[in-house]
Amino acid sequence: MMIKPIPKSLQVTVDREELHLPYTLQESINTYWDSLIKEKPYLTRGEIYSISHTIQLEEDMKITLQKTDYAHFLYAKQFSVNHKYKCRGVVANGVILTKDEFL
């Protein structure tokens, strides 16, 4: 894990269009999900947002998100997925770093 300071300006936009996956990949995700819920029936296939595009400059950063689902996220963690269709789930965290560099 790498901790980096955020730029002065951060712009996050959500693409109106969902992340569309190739049919064969979607079928593999569906099959994987079916096997998961047999073992863990408490799982839910909710919506999540994946980072589809980032632009980072010295003073600002722009992030574009697209809607996908939890099955896609879990599948991408478990199996090799083409970079274009990889799920990069969004998690927000913050750490306060004091002037004397104490976390």
N, C-alpha and C. Protein backbone atom coordinates (compact mmCIF):
# COMPACT_ATOMS: atom_id res chain seq x y z
N MET A 1 0.85 -1.17 0.00
CA MET A 1 0.00 0.00 0.00
C MET A 1 0.89 1.23 0.00
N MET A 2 0.48 2.23 -0.75
CA MET A 2 1.23 3.47 -0.83
C MET A 2 0.33 4.61 -0.35
N ILE A 3 0.86 5.43 0.54
CA ILE A 3 0.13 6.60 1.02
C ILE A 3 0.68 7.81 0.30
N LYS A 4 -0.21 8.54 -0.36
CA LYS A 4 0.18 9.75 -1.08
C LYS A 4 -0.71 10.90 -0.66
N PRO A 5 -0.16 12.10 -0.61
CA PRO A 5 -1.03 13.25 -0.32
C PRO A 5 -1.94 13.53 -1.52
N ILE A 6 -3.14 14.01 -1.23
CA ILE A 6 -4.05 14.35 -2.33
C ILE A 6 -3.68 15.74 -2.87
N PRO A 7 -3.92 15.97 -4.14
CA PRO A 7 -3.65 17.29 -4.71
C PRO A 7 -4.61 18.33 -4.14
N LYS A 8 -4.31 19.58 -4.39
CA LYS A 8 -5.16 20.66 -3.88
C LYS A 8 -6.57 20.59 -4.45
N SER A 9 -6.69 20.14 -5.69
CA SER A 9 -7.99 20.05 -6.33
C SER A 9 -8.25 18.60 -6.74
N LEU A 10 -9.39 18.07 -6.32
CA LEU A 10 -9.78 16.71 -6.66
C LEU A 10 -11.19 16.76 -7.25
N GLN A 11 -11.33 16.30 -8.49
CA GLN A 11 -12.63 16.29 -9.15
C GLN A 11 -13.01 14.85 -9.46
N VAL A 12 -14.16 14.42 -8.95
CA VAL A 12 -14.66 13.07 -9.19
C VAL A 12 -15.98 13.18 -9.95
N THR A 13 -16.06 12.49 -11.08
CA THR A 13 -17.29 12.48 -11.86
C THR A 13 -17.75 11.03 -12.05
N VAL A 14 -19.06 10.85 -12.16
CA VAL A 14 -19.62 9.53 -12.39
C VAL A 14 -20.17 9.50 -13.81
N ASP A 15 -19.66 8.59 -14.61
CA ASP A 15 -20.13 8.41 -15.97
C ASP A 15 -21.57 7.89 -15.91
N ARG A 16 -22.44 8.44 -16.72
CA ARG A 16 -23.86 8.01 -16.73
C ARG A 16 -24.01 6.59 -17.25
N GLU A 17 -23.05 6.16 -18.05
CA GLU A 17 -23.13 4.83 -18.65
C GLU A 17 -22.43 3.80 -17.76
N GLU A 18 -23.11 2.67 -17.52
CA GLU A 18 -22.50 1.59 -16.74
C GLU A 18 -21.33 1.00 -17.50
N LEU A 19 -20.44 0.35 -16.77
CA LEU A 19 -19.31 -0.33 -17.38
C LEU A 19 -19.84 -1.56 -18.12
N HIS A 20 -19.71 -1.57 -19.44
CA HIS A 20 -20.19 -2.70 -20.24
C HIS A 20 -19.05 -3.68 -20.45
N LEU A 21 -19.31 -4.94 -20.15
CA LEU A 21 -18.31 -5.99 -20.26
C LEU A 21 -18.63 -6.89 -21.44
N PRO A 22 -17.60 -7.49 -22.05
CA PRO A 22 -17.86 -8.45 -23.12
C PRO A 22 -18.72 -9.62 -22.60
N TYR A 23 -19.52 -10.17 -23.48
CA TYR A 23 -20.45 -11.23 -23.10
C TYR A 23 -19.75 -12.39 -22.39
N THR A 24 -18.62 -12.85 -22.94
CA THR A 24 -17.93 -14.01 -22.34
C THR A 24 -17.42 -13.69 -20.94
N LEU A 25 -16.92 -12.48 -20.74
CA LEU A 25 -16.46 -12.09 -19.40
C LEU A 25 -17.64 -12.01 -18.44
N GLN A 26 -18.74 -11.42 -18.88
CA GLN A 26 -19.93 -11.32 -18.02
C GLN A 26 -20.45 -12.71 -17.64
N GLU A 27 -20.43 -13.64 -18.58
CA GLU A 27 -20.87 -15.01 -18.29
C GLU A 27 -19.94 -15.67 -17.27
N SER A 28 -18.64 -15.44 -17.38
CA SER A 28 -17.68 -15.99 -16.41
C SER A 28 -17.92 -15.41 -15.02
N ILE A 29 -18.20 -14.12 -14.97
CA ILE A 29 -18.49 -13.45 -13.70
C ILE A 29 -19.77 -14.04 -13.09
N ASN A 30 -20.79 -14.23 -13.91
CA ASN A 30 -22.06 -14.80 -13.43
C ASN A 30 -21.87 -16.21 -12.87
N THR A 31 -21.09 -17.03 -13.57
CA THR A 31 -20.82 -18.39 -13.12
C THR A 31 -20.05 -18.38 -11.81
N TYR A 32 -19.06 -17.51 -11.72
CA TYR A 32 -18.27 -17.38 -10.49
C TYR A 32 -19.16 -16.93 -9.33
N TRP A 33 -20.03 -15.97 -9.59
CA TRP A 33 -20.94 -15.47 -8.55
C TRP A 33 -21.86 -16.59 -8.06
N ASP A 34 -22.40 -17.37 -8.99
CA ASP A 34 -23.28 -18.48 -8.61
C ASP A 34 -22.56 -19.46 -7.69
N SER A 35 -21.27 -19.73 -7.97
CA SER A 35 -20.51 -20.64 -7.11
C SER A 35 -20.24 -20.01 -5.74
N LEU A 36 -20.03 -18.71 -5.71
CA LEU A 36 -19.78 -18.02 -4.44
C LEU A 36 -21.00 -18.05 -3.52
N ILE A 37 -22.17 -17.77 -4.08
CA ILE A 37 -23.35 -17.69 -3.21
C ILE A 37 -23.82 -19.06 -2.73
N LYS A 38 -23.35 -20.12 -3.36
CA LYS A 38 -23.63 -21.46 -2.83
C LYS A 38 -22.88 -21.66 -1.52
N GLU A 39 -21.66 -21.13 -1.45
CA GLU A 39 -20.84 -21.24 -0.24
C GLU A 39 -21.17 -20.15 0.78
N LYS A 40 -21.50 -18.97 0.28
CA LYS A 40 -21.74 -17.81 1.15
C LYS A 40 -23.05 -17.13 0.74
N PRO A 41 -24.18 -17.69 1.11
CA PRO A 41 -25.47 -17.17 0.66
C PRO A 41 -25.80 -15.77 1.18
N TYR A 42 -25.04 -15.28 2.13
CA TYR A 42 -25.28 -13.94 2.68
C TYR A 42 -24.71 -12.83 1.79
N LEU A 43 -23.93 -13.18 0.78
CA LEU A 43 -23.38 -12.15 -0.12
C LEU A 43 -24.49 -11.50 -0.93
N THR A 44 -24.34 -10.23 -1.21
CA THR A 44 -25.29 -9.52 -2.07
C THR A 44 -24.54 -8.90 -3.24
N ARG A 45 -25.19 -8.90 -4.37
CA ARG A 45 -24.56 -8.40 -5.61
C ARG A 45 -24.95 -6.94 -5.82
N GLY A 46 -24.49 -6.11 -4.93
CA GLY A 46 -24.83 -4.70 -4.99
C GLY A 46 -23.98 -3.91 -5.98
N GLU A 47 -24.40 -2.68 -6.19
CA GLU A 47 -23.68 -1.78 -7.10
C GLU A 47 -22.44 -1.24 -6.41
N ILE A 48 -21.38 -1.11 -7.19
CA ILE A 48 -20.18 -0.42 -6.74
C ILE A 48 -19.69 0.45 -7.89
N TYR A 49 -18.75 1.32 -7.60
CA TYR A 49 -18.17 2.17 -8.62
C TYR A 49 -16.72 1.80 -8.82
N SER A 50 -16.33 1.73 -10.07
CA SER A 50 -14.97 1.40 -10.45
C SER A 50 -14.33 2.62 -11.11
N ILE A 51 -13.07 2.83 -10.82
CA ILE A 51 -12.35 3.94 -11.45
C ILE A 51 -12.07 3.55 -12.90
N SER A 52 -12.60 4.32 -13.83
CA SER A 52 -12.39 4.01 -15.24
C SER A 52 -11.29 4.87 -15.86
N HIS A 53 -11.02 6.02 -15.26
CA HIS A 53 -10.04 6.93 -15.86
C HIS A 53 -9.52 7.90 -14.79
N THR A 54 -8.23 8.16 -14.82
CA THR A 54 -7.66 9.17 -13.92
C THR A 54 -6.70 10.07 -14.70
N ILE A 55 -6.68 11.31 -14.31
CA ILE A 55 -5.71 12.28 -14.83
C ILE A 55 -5.13 12.98 -13.62
N GLN A 56 -3.81 12.88 -13.46
CA GLN A 56 -3.18 13.56 -12.33
C GLN A 56 -2.14 14.54 -12.83
N LEU A 57 -2.33 15.77 -12.43
CA LEU A 57 -1.38 16.83 -12.72
C LEU A 57 -0.76 17.25 -11.39
N GLU A 58 0.12 18.21 -11.43
CA GLU A 58 0.81 18.63 -10.21
C GLU A 58 -0.15 19.16 -9.15
N GLU A 59 -1.11 19.97 -9.55
CA GLU A 59 -2.00 20.63 -8.59
C GLU A 59 -3.41 20.05 -8.52
N ASP A 60 -3.77 19.19 -9.47
CA ASP A 60 -5.13 18.66 -9.44
C ASP A 60 -5.20 17.23 -9.99
N MET A 61 -6.30 16.58 -9.65
CA MET A 61 -6.53 15.21 -10.09
C MET A 61 -7.99 15.07 -10.49
N LYS A 62 -8.22 14.35 -11.59
CA LYS A 62 -9.58 14.08 -12.07
C LYS A 62 -9.77 12.57 -12.12
N ILE A 63 -10.87 12.11 -11.53
CA ILE A 63 -11.20 10.69 -11.49
C ILE A 63 -12.59 10.49 -12.08
N THR A 64 -12.71 9.53 -12.99
CA THR A 64 -14.01 9.18 -13.56
C THR A 64 -14.39 7.79 -13.08
N LEU A 65 -15.63 7.67 -12.60
CA LEU A 65 -16.15 6.40 -12.09
C LEU A 65 -17.23 5.86 -13.00
N GLN A 66 -17.34 4.53 -13.04
CA GLN A 66 -18.43 3.87 -13.75
C GLN A 66 -19.05 2.82 -12.84
N LYS A 67 -20.36 2.65 -12.97
CA LYS A 67 -21.08 1.70 -12.14
C LYS A 67 -20.84 0.28 -12.64
N THR A 68 -20.61 -0.62 -11.69
CA THR A 68 -20.51 -2.05 -11.97
C THR A 68 -21.14 -2.76 -10.77
N ASP A 69 -20.74 -4.00 -10.51
CA ASP A 69 -21.32 -4.67 -9.34
C ASP A 69 -20.26 -5.44 -8.55
N TYR A 70 -20.68 -5.89 -7.37
CA TYR A 70 -19.77 -6.56 -6.44
C TYR A 70 -19.22 -7.86 -7.03
N ALA A 71 -19.99 -8.56 -7.84
CA ALA A 71 -19.52 -9.79 -8.47
C ALA A 71 -18.33 -9.50 -9.38
N HIS A 72 -18.40 -8.42 -10.13
CA HIS A 72 -17.30 -8.01 -11.01
C HIS A 72 -16.05 -7.72 -10.18
N PHE A 73 -16.23 -7.00 -9.07
CA PHE A 73 -15.11 -6.67 -8.18
C PHE A 73 -14.44 -7.94 -7.65
N LEU A 74 -15.23 -8.89 -7.13
CA LEU A 74 -14.67 -10.12 -6.57
C LEU A 74 -14.00 -10.97 -7.65
N TYR A 75 -14.61 -11.05 -8.82
CA TYR A 75 -14.04 -11.82 -9.92
C TYR A 75 -12.69 -11.25 -10.33
N ALA A 76 -12.61 -9.94 -10.45
CA ALA A 76 -11.36 -9.29 -10.87
C ALA A 76 -10.25 -9.46 -9.84
N LYS A 77 -10.62 -9.58 -8.56
CA LYS A 77 -9.62 -9.83 -7.52
C LYS A 77 -9.08 -11.25 -7.60
N GLN A 78 -9.92 -12.18 -8.01
CA GLN A 78 -9.56 -13.60 -8.01
C GLN A 78 -8.88 -14.05 -9.30
N PHE A 79 -9.26 -13.46 -10.43
CA PHE A 79 -8.78 -13.91 -11.73
C PHE A 79 -8.13 -12.76 -12.50
N SER A 80 -7.33 -13.13 -13.47
CA SER A 80 -6.70 -12.13 -14.34
C SER A 80 -7.75 -11.59 -15.31
N VAL A 81 -7.90 -10.28 -15.32
CA VAL A 81 -8.87 -9.62 -16.19
C VAL A 81 -8.14 -8.60 -17.05
N ASN A 82 -8.47 -8.56 -18.33
CA ASN A 82 -7.89 -7.57 -19.24
C ASN A 82 -7.96 -6.18 -18.59
N HIS A 83 -6.88 -5.43 -18.68
CA HIS A 83 -6.79 -4.12 -18.04
C HIS A 83 -8.01 -3.23 -18.32
N LYS A 84 -8.50 -3.28 -19.53
CA LYS A 84 -9.63 -2.44 -19.93
C LYS A 84 -10.89 -2.75 -19.10
N TYR A 85 -11.03 -3.99 -18.64
CA TYR A 85 -12.24 -4.42 -17.93
C TYR A 85 -11.99 -4.72 -16.45
N LYS A 86 -10.81 -4.39 -15.98
CA LYS A 86 -10.49 -4.63 -14.57
C LYS A 86 -11.37 -3.74 -13.69
N CYS A 87 -11.74 -4.24 -12.53
CA CYS A 87 -12.56 -3.46 -11.61
C CYS A 87 -11.66 -2.83 -10.55
N ARG A 88 -11.61 -1.52 -10.54
CA ARG A 88 -10.82 -0.79 -9.55
C ARG A 88 -11.80 -0.10 -8.61
N GLY A 89 -12.24 -0.86 -7.62
CA GLY A 89 -13.23 -0.35 -6.67
C GLY A 89 -12.72 0.87 -5.91
N VAL A 90 -13.64 1.72 -5.55
CA VAL A 90 -13.30 2.98 -4.88
C VAL A 90 -13.45 2.82 -3.37
N VAL A 91 -12.42 3.20 -2.66
CA VAL A 91 -12.45 3.23 -1.20
C VAL A 91 -11.82 4.55 -0.77
N ALA A 92 -12.50 5.27 0.08
CA ALA A 92 -11.96 6.55 0.56
C ALA A 92 -11.43 6.38 1.98
N ASN A 93 -10.22 6.82 2.19
CA ASN A 93 -9.59 6.79 3.51
C ASN A 93 -8.86 8.10 3.71
N GLY A 94 -8.58 8.40 4.92
CA GLY A 94 -7.80 9.60 5.21
C GLY A 94 -6.89 9.37 6.40
N VAL A 95 -5.74 9.98 6.38
CA VAL A 95 -4.79 9.91 7.47
C VAL A 95 -4.33 11.33 7.76
N ILE A 96 -4.31 11.68 9.03
CA ILE A 96 -3.81 13.00 9.41
C ILE A 96 -2.33 12.87 9.70
N LEU A 97 -1.54 13.66 9.02
CA LEU A 97 -0.09 13.69 9.21
C LEU A 97 0.26 15.04 9.80
N THR A 98 0.84 15.04 10.99
CA THR A 98 1.19 16.30 11.66
C THR A 98 2.46 16.87 11.06
N LYS A 99 2.77 18.12 11.38
CA LYS A 99 3.97 18.77 10.84
C LYS A 99 5.25 18.03 11.21
N ASP A 100 5.22 17.35 12.37
CA ASP A 100 6.41 16.59 12.76
C ASP A 100 6.39 15.16 12.19
N GLU A 101 5.53 14.96 11.17
CA GLU A 101 5.44 13.71 10.42
C GLU A 101 4.95 12.53 11.28
N PHE A 102 4.12 12.80 12.25
CA PHE A 102 3.54 11.75 13.10
C PHE A 102 2.15 11.42 12.59
N LEU A 103 1.89 10.13 12.43
CA LEU A 103 0.57 9.69 11.96
C LEU A 103 -0.41 9.64 13.09
